[in-house]
C-alpha atoms as a PDB file:
ATOM      1  CA  MET A   1       0.000  -0.005  -0.011  1.00  0.00           C
ATOM      2  CA  ARG A   2       1.365   3.400  -0.865  1.00  0.00           C
ATOM      3  CA  THR A   3       0.829   6.240   1.633  1.00  0.00           C
ATOM      4  CA  ASN A   4       2.413   9.483   2.663  1.00  0.00           C
ATOM      5  CA  ILE A   5       2.908  10.165   6.363  1.00  0.00           C
ATOM      6  CA  VAL A   6       4.814  12.713   8.381  1.00  0.00           C
ATOM      7  CA  ILE A   7       7.317  11.106  10.733  1.00  0.00           C
ATOM      8  CA  ASP A   8       9.476  12.844  13.283  1.00  0.00           C
ATOM      9  CA  ASP A   9      13.001  12.996  11.778  1.00  0.00           C
ATOM     10  CA  LYS A  10      14.741  12.388  15.109  1.00  0.00           C
ATOM     11  CA  LEU A  11      12.577   9.354  15.796  1.00  0.00           C
ATOM     12  CA  MET A  12      13.200   7.880  12.343  1.00  0.00           C
ATOM     13  CA  ASN A  13      16.959   8.441  12.528  1.00  0.00           C
ATOM     14  CA  LEU A  14      17.067   6.836  15.965  1.00  0.00           C
ATOM     15  CA  ALA A  15      15.062   3.900  14.700  1.00  0.00           C
ATOM     16  CA  LEU A  16      17.401   3.428  11.699  1.00  0.00           C
ATOM     17  CA  LYS A  17      20.441   3.646  13.879  1.00  0.00           C
ATOM     18  CA  THR A  18      19.089   1.383  16.607  1.00  0.00           C
ATOM     19  CA  THR A  19      17.765  -1.341  14.288  1.00  0.00           C
ATOM     20  CA  GLY A  20      20.471  -1.190  11.700  1.00  0.00           C
ATOM     21  CA  LEU A  21      17.774  -1.277   9.020  1.00  0.00           C
ATOM     22  CA  LYS A  22      18.652   0.424   5.742  1.00  0.00           C
ATOM     23  CA  THR A  23      15.477   2.153   4.655  1.00  0.00           C
ATOM     24  CA  LYS A  24      12.583   4.071   6.219  1.00  0.00           C
ATOM     25  CA  LYS A  25      10.224   1.554   4.689  1.00  0.00           C
ATOM     26  CA  GLU A  26      11.962  -1.312   6.501  1.00  0.00           C
ATOM     27  CA  VAL A  27      11.724   0.658   9.775  1.00  0.00           C
ATOM     28  CA  VAL A  28       8.039   1.297   9.316  1.00  0.00           C
ATOM     29  CA  GLU A  29       7.259  -2.302   8.410  1.00  0.00           C
ATOM     30  CA  GLU A  30       9.307  -3.662  11.293  1.00  0.00           C
ATOM     31  CA  GLY A  31       7.540  -1.265  13.644  1.00  0.00           C
ATOM     32  CA  LEU A  32       4.164  -2.447  12.439  1.00  0.00           C
ATOM     33  CA  LYS A  33       5.121  -6.116  12.862  1.00  0.00           C
ATOM     34  CA  THR A  34       6.442  -5.398  16.364  1.00  0.00           C
ATOM     35  CA  LEU A  35       3.210  -3.534  17.288  1.00  0.00           C
ATOM     36  CA  ILE A  36       1.144  -6.529  16.095  1.00  0.00           C
ATOM     37  CA  LYS A  37       3.265  -8.943  18.105  1.00  0.00           C
ATOM     38  CA  ILE A  38       3.025  -6.875  21.295  1.00  0.00           C
ATOM     39  CA  LYS A  39      -0.759  -6.454  21.014  1.00  0.00           C
ATOM     40  CA  SER A  40      -1.211 -10.126  20.290  1.00  0.00           C
ATOM     41  CA  GLN A  41       0.914 -11.029  23.349  1.00  0.00           C
ATOM     42  CA  SER A  42      -1.160  -8.649  25.467  1.00  0.00           C
ATOM     43  CA  LYS A  43      -4.311 -10.533  24.473  1.00  0.00           C
ATOM     44  CA  LEU A  44      -2.764 -13.857  25.407  1.00  0.00           C
ATOM     45  CA  LYS A  45      -1.514 -12.476  28.732  1.00  0.00           C
ATOM     46  CA  ALA A  46      -5.064 -11.372  29.538  1.00  0.00           C
ATOM     47  CA  LEU A  47      -6.050 -15.028  29.407  1.00  0.00           C
ATOM     48  CA  ARG A  48      -3.513 -16.020  32.088  1.00  0.00           C
ATOM     49  CA  SER A  49      -5.154 -17.983  34.872  1.00  0.00           C
ATOM     50  CA  LYS A  50      -8.440 -17.981  33.057  1.00  0.00           C
ATOM     51  CA  LEU A  51      -7.991 -21.151  31.083  1.00  0.00           C
ATOM     52  CA  LYS A  52      -8.078 -24.588  32.643  1.00  0.00           C
ATOM     53  CA  TRP A  53      -5.478 -27.065  31.468  1.00  0.00           C
ATOM     54  CA  GLU A  54      -5.931 -30.774  31.965  1.00  0.00           C
ATOM     55  CA  GLY A  55      -3.217 -33.251  31.351  1.00  0.00           C
ATOM     56  CA  ASP A  56      -0.161 -35.004  32.729  1.00  0.00           C
ATOM     57  CA  ILE A  57       2.957 -32.917  32.185  1.00  0.00           C
ATOM     58  CA  GLU A  58       5.287 -35.690  33.339  1.00  0.00           C
ATOM     59  CA  LYS A  59       3.769 -38.098  30.820  1.00  0.00           C
ATOM     60  CA  MET A  60       4.095 -35.536  28.038  1.00  0.00           C
ATOM     61  CA  ARG A  61       7.779 -34.983  28.827  1.00  0.00           C
ATOM     62  CA  ILE A  62       8.629 -38.678  28.280  1.00  0.00           C
ATOM     63  CA  ASP A  63      10.198 -39.271  24.876  1.00  0.00           C
ATOM     64  CA  LYS A  64       8.682 -42.215  22.963  1.00  0.00           C
END
């Protein structure tokens, strides 16, 4: 998708330097991927202690 956005120059330069990525496009795409991962993890963390697991962990650890 092609779009034009205004990004703070200092922020972009810091992101380029910090990540070692070569282009602004790479930085933006990596930022979007990271944001998606973080938000997905937050949703999973919200389920902590709310799901019931049934099974035998010792039995699962045995190699067959």
